Amino acid sequence: MLRAAGREVLAVDVQAHAQERIEPCDVKSNDQIVQLFESHAIGTVIHLAAVLPPHSAQIRSLQPR
């Protein structure tokens, strides 16, 4: 939807994906987040685990520590 509207999208996941342009980054790692923001001109962040809490609540590794 964002790409269709002409927006540049940088997808981030804890694991790299061969089929998609996804930056590997663990959002629980402050160092990785800092590196991501230093490497890209990021204007907006949409955290899907926050948007989809029922799914993220079922995955123990995604739960807040």
N, C-alpha and C. Protein backbone atom coordinates (compact mmCIF):
# COMPACT_ATOMS: atom_id res chain seq x y z
N MET A 1 0.82 -1.18 0.00
CA MET A 1 0.00 0.00 0.00
C MET A 1 0.88 1.26 0.00
N LEU A 2 1.89 1.29 0.87
CA LEU A 2 2.77 2.46 0.90
C LEU A 2 3.58 2.58 -0.38
N ARG A 3 4.10 1.45 -0.85
CA ARG A 3 4.87 1.49 -2.11
C ARG A 3 3.98 1.91 -3.27
N ALA A 4 2.75 1.43 -3.30
CA ALA A 4 1.82 1.79 -4.37
C ALA A 4 1.53 3.29 -4.35
N ALA A 5 1.63 3.91 -3.18
CA ALA A 5 1.42 5.35 -3.05
C ALA A 5 2.69 6.14 -3.34
N GLY A 6 3.76 5.43 -3.75
CA GLY A 6 5.00 6.10 -4.10
C GLY A 6 5.95 6.33 -2.94
N ARG A 7 5.67 5.73 -1.79
CA ARG A 7 6.54 5.88 -0.62
C ARG A 7 7.66 4.85 -0.67
N GLU A 8 8.84 5.25 -0.22
CA GLU A 8 9.94 4.30 -0.10
C GLU A 8 9.76 3.54 1.21
N VAL A 9 9.87 2.23 1.15
CA VAL A 9 9.65 1.38 2.32
C VAL A 9 10.92 0.60 2.61
N LEU A 10 11.35 0.64 3.86
CA LEU A 10 12.47 -0.17 4.33
C LEU A 10 11.91 -1.16 5.34
N ALA A 11 11.82 -2.41 4.93
CA ALA A 11 11.31 -3.45 5.83
C ALA A 11 12.47 -3.96 6.68
N VAL A 12 12.19 -4.23 7.95
CA VAL A 12 13.20 -4.70 8.90
C VAL A 12 12.65 -5.92 9.61
N ASP A 13 13.50 -6.93 9.77
CA ASP A 13 13.11 -8.12 10.51
C ASP A 13 14.35 -8.66 11.21
N VAL A 14 14.11 -9.45 12.24
CA VAL A 14 15.22 -10.02 12.99
C VAL A 14 16.03 -10.99 12.12
N GLN A 15 15.41 -11.55 11.09
CA GLN A 15 16.09 -12.47 10.18
C GLN A 15 16.08 -11.88 8.77
N ALA A 16 17.17 -12.08 8.05
CA ALA A 16 17.22 -11.66 6.66
C ALA A 16 16.37 -12.60 5.81
N HIS A 17 15.79 -12.08 4.76
CA HIS A 17 14.94 -12.87 3.86
C HIS A 17 15.49 -12.74 2.45
N ALA A 18 15.75 -13.85 1.81
CA ALA A 18 16.35 -13.85 0.47
C ALA A 18 15.39 -13.27 -0.58
N GLN A 19 14.09 -13.53 -0.46
CA GLN A 19 13.14 -13.12 -1.48
C GLN A 19 12.74 -11.65 -1.37
N GLU A 20 12.93 -11.05 -0.24
CA GLU A 20 12.47 -9.68 -0.01
C GLU A 20 13.65 -8.76 0.30
N ARG A 21 13.47 -7.48 0.08
CA ARG A 21 14.47 -6.50 0.49
C ARG A 21 14.17 -6.14 1.94
N ILE A 22 14.74 -6.91 2.84
CA ILE A 22 14.51 -6.70 4.27
C ILE A 22 15.85 -6.56 4.97
N GLU A 23 16.00 -5.50 5.73
CA GLU A 23 17.21 -5.27 6.51
C GLU A 23 17.15 -6.13 7.77
N PRO A 24 18.18 -6.90 8.03
CA PRO A 24 18.20 -7.65 9.30
C PRO A 24 18.47 -6.71 10.46
N CYS A 25 17.61 -6.73 11.47
CA CYS A 25 17.77 -5.88 12.65
C CYS A 25 16.89 -6.43 13.76
N ASP A 26 17.46 -6.56 14.94
CA ASP A 26 16.69 -6.99 16.11
C ASP A 26 16.27 -5.72 16.85
N VAL A 27 14.97 -5.44 16.87
CA VAL A 27 14.49 -4.20 17.48
C VAL A 27 14.74 -4.15 18.99
N LYS A 28 15.14 -5.27 19.58
CA LYS A 28 15.50 -5.28 21.00
C LYS A 28 16.94 -4.84 21.22
N SER A 29 17.69 -4.63 20.14
CA SER A 29 19.10 -4.23 20.22
C SER A 29 19.25 -2.74 19.92
N ASN A 30 19.57 -1.97 20.95
CA ASN A 30 19.75 -0.53 20.77
C ASN A 30 20.84 -0.24 19.73
N ASP A 31 21.94 -0.97 19.77
CA ASP A 31 23.03 -0.76 18.81
C ASP A 31 22.57 -0.97 17.37
N GLN A 32 21.76 -2.00 17.14
CA GLN A 32 21.28 -2.27 15.78
C GLN A 32 20.30 -1.19 15.32
N ILE A 33 19.47 -0.70 16.23
CA ILE A 33 18.53 0.36 15.88
C ILE A 33 19.29 1.64 15.52
N VAL A 34 20.28 1.99 16.33
CA VAL A 34 21.09 3.18 16.05
C VAL A 34 21.77 3.05 14.69
N GLN A 35 22.35 1.90 14.41
CA GLN A 35 23.02 1.67 13.13
C GLN A 35 22.03 1.80 11.97
N LEU A 36 20.83 1.27 12.14
CA LEU A 36 19.80 1.35 11.10
C LEU A 36 19.45 2.81 10.79
N PHE A 37 19.24 3.61 11.85
CA PHE A 37 18.88 5.02 11.64
C PHE A 37 20.05 5.83 11.08
N GLU A 38 21.27 5.45 11.40
CA GLU A 38 22.44 6.14 10.85
C GLU A 38 22.67 5.78 9.39
N SER A 39 22.20 4.61 8.97
CA SER A 39 22.43 4.12 7.61
C SER A 39 21.34 4.52 6.62
N HIS A 40 20.18 4.93 7.12
CA HIS A 40 19.03 5.22 6.25
C HIS A 40 18.35 6.51 6.70
N ALA A 41 17.79 7.23 5.74
CA ALA A 41 17.01 8.43 6.04
C ALA A 41 15.59 7.99 6.39
N ILE A 42 15.34 7.74 7.66
CA ILE A 42 14.04 7.22 8.10
C ILE A 42 13.20 8.37 8.65
N GLY A 43 12.00 8.53 8.10
CA GLY A 43 11.11 9.60 8.54
C GLY A 43 9.93 9.12 9.35
N THR A 44 9.54 7.86 9.15
CA THR A 44 8.39 7.29 9.84
C THR A 44 8.67 5.84 10.17
N VAL A 45 8.22 5.41 11.35
CA VAL A 45 8.38 4.01 11.77
C VAL A 45 7.00 3.43 12.05
N ILE A 46 6.73 2.27 11.47
CA ILE A 46 5.51 1.51 11.76
C ILE A 46 5.97 0.17 12.29
N HIS A 47 5.71 -0.10 13.55
CA HIS A 47 6.15 -1.34 14.20
C HIS A 47 4.97 -2.32 14.15
N LEU A 48 5.05 -3.30 13.26
CA LEU A 48 3.91 -4.20 13.04
C LEU A 48 3.55 -5.03 14.26
N ALA A 49 4.51 -5.37 15.10
CA ALA A 49 4.17 -6.13 16.31
C ALA A 49 3.29 -5.29 17.23
N ALA A 50 3.44 -3.97 17.17
CA ALA A 50 2.58 -3.10 17.96
C ALA A 50 1.20 -2.96 17.31
N VAL A 51 1.16 -3.04 15.98
CA VAL A 51 -0.10 -2.93 15.25
C VAL A 51 -0.89 -4.23 15.35
N LEU A 52 -0.18 -5.36 15.43
CA LEU A 52 -0.82 -6.67 15.48
C LEU A 52 -0.52 -7.37 16.80
N PRO A 53 -0.95 -6.82 17.93
CA PRO A 53 -0.57 -7.38 19.23
C PRO A 53 -1.03 -8.82 19.48
N PRO A 54 -2.16 -9.28 18.99
CA PRO A 54 -2.51 -10.68 19.30
C PRO A 54 -1.46 -11.68 18.80
N HIS A 55 -0.94 -11.47 17.60
CA HIS A 55 0.08 -12.38 17.06
C HIS A 55 1.39 -12.24 17.83
N SER A 56 1.83 -11.00 18.05
CA SER A 56 3.10 -10.80 18.74
C SER A 56 3.04 -11.28 20.18
N ALA A 57 1.87 -11.26 20.79
CA ALA A 57 1.73 -11.73 22.17
C ALA A 57 1.91 -13.24 22.27
N GLN A 58 1.71 -13.95 21.16
CA GLN A 58 1.85 -15.40 21.16
C GLN A 58 3.30 -15.85 20.97
N ILE A 59 4.17 -14.96 20.55
CA ILE A 59 5.57 -15.31 20.30
C ILE A 59 6.42 -14.81 21.46
N ARG A 60 6.90 -15.75 22.25
CA ARG A 60 7.62 -15.41 23.48
C ARG A 60 8.82 -14.49 23.24
N SER A 61 9.57 -14.71 22.15
CA SER A 61 10.77 -13.91 21.90
C SER A 61 10.45 -12.46 21.54
N LEU A 62 9.20 -12.16 21.18
CA LEU A 62 8.81 -10.79 20.84
C LEU A 62 8.23 -10.04 22.02
N GLN A 63 8.01 -10.71 23.13
CA GLN A 63 7.41 -10.06 24.28
C GLN A 63 8.41 -9.16 24.99
N PRO A 64 7.94 -8.05 25.54
CA PRO A 64 8.84 -7.13 26.26
C PRO A 64 9.56 -7.83 27.40
N ARG A 65 10.79 -7.39 27.63
CA ARG A 65 11.58 -7.97 28.73
C ARG A 65 11.76 -6.97 29.83
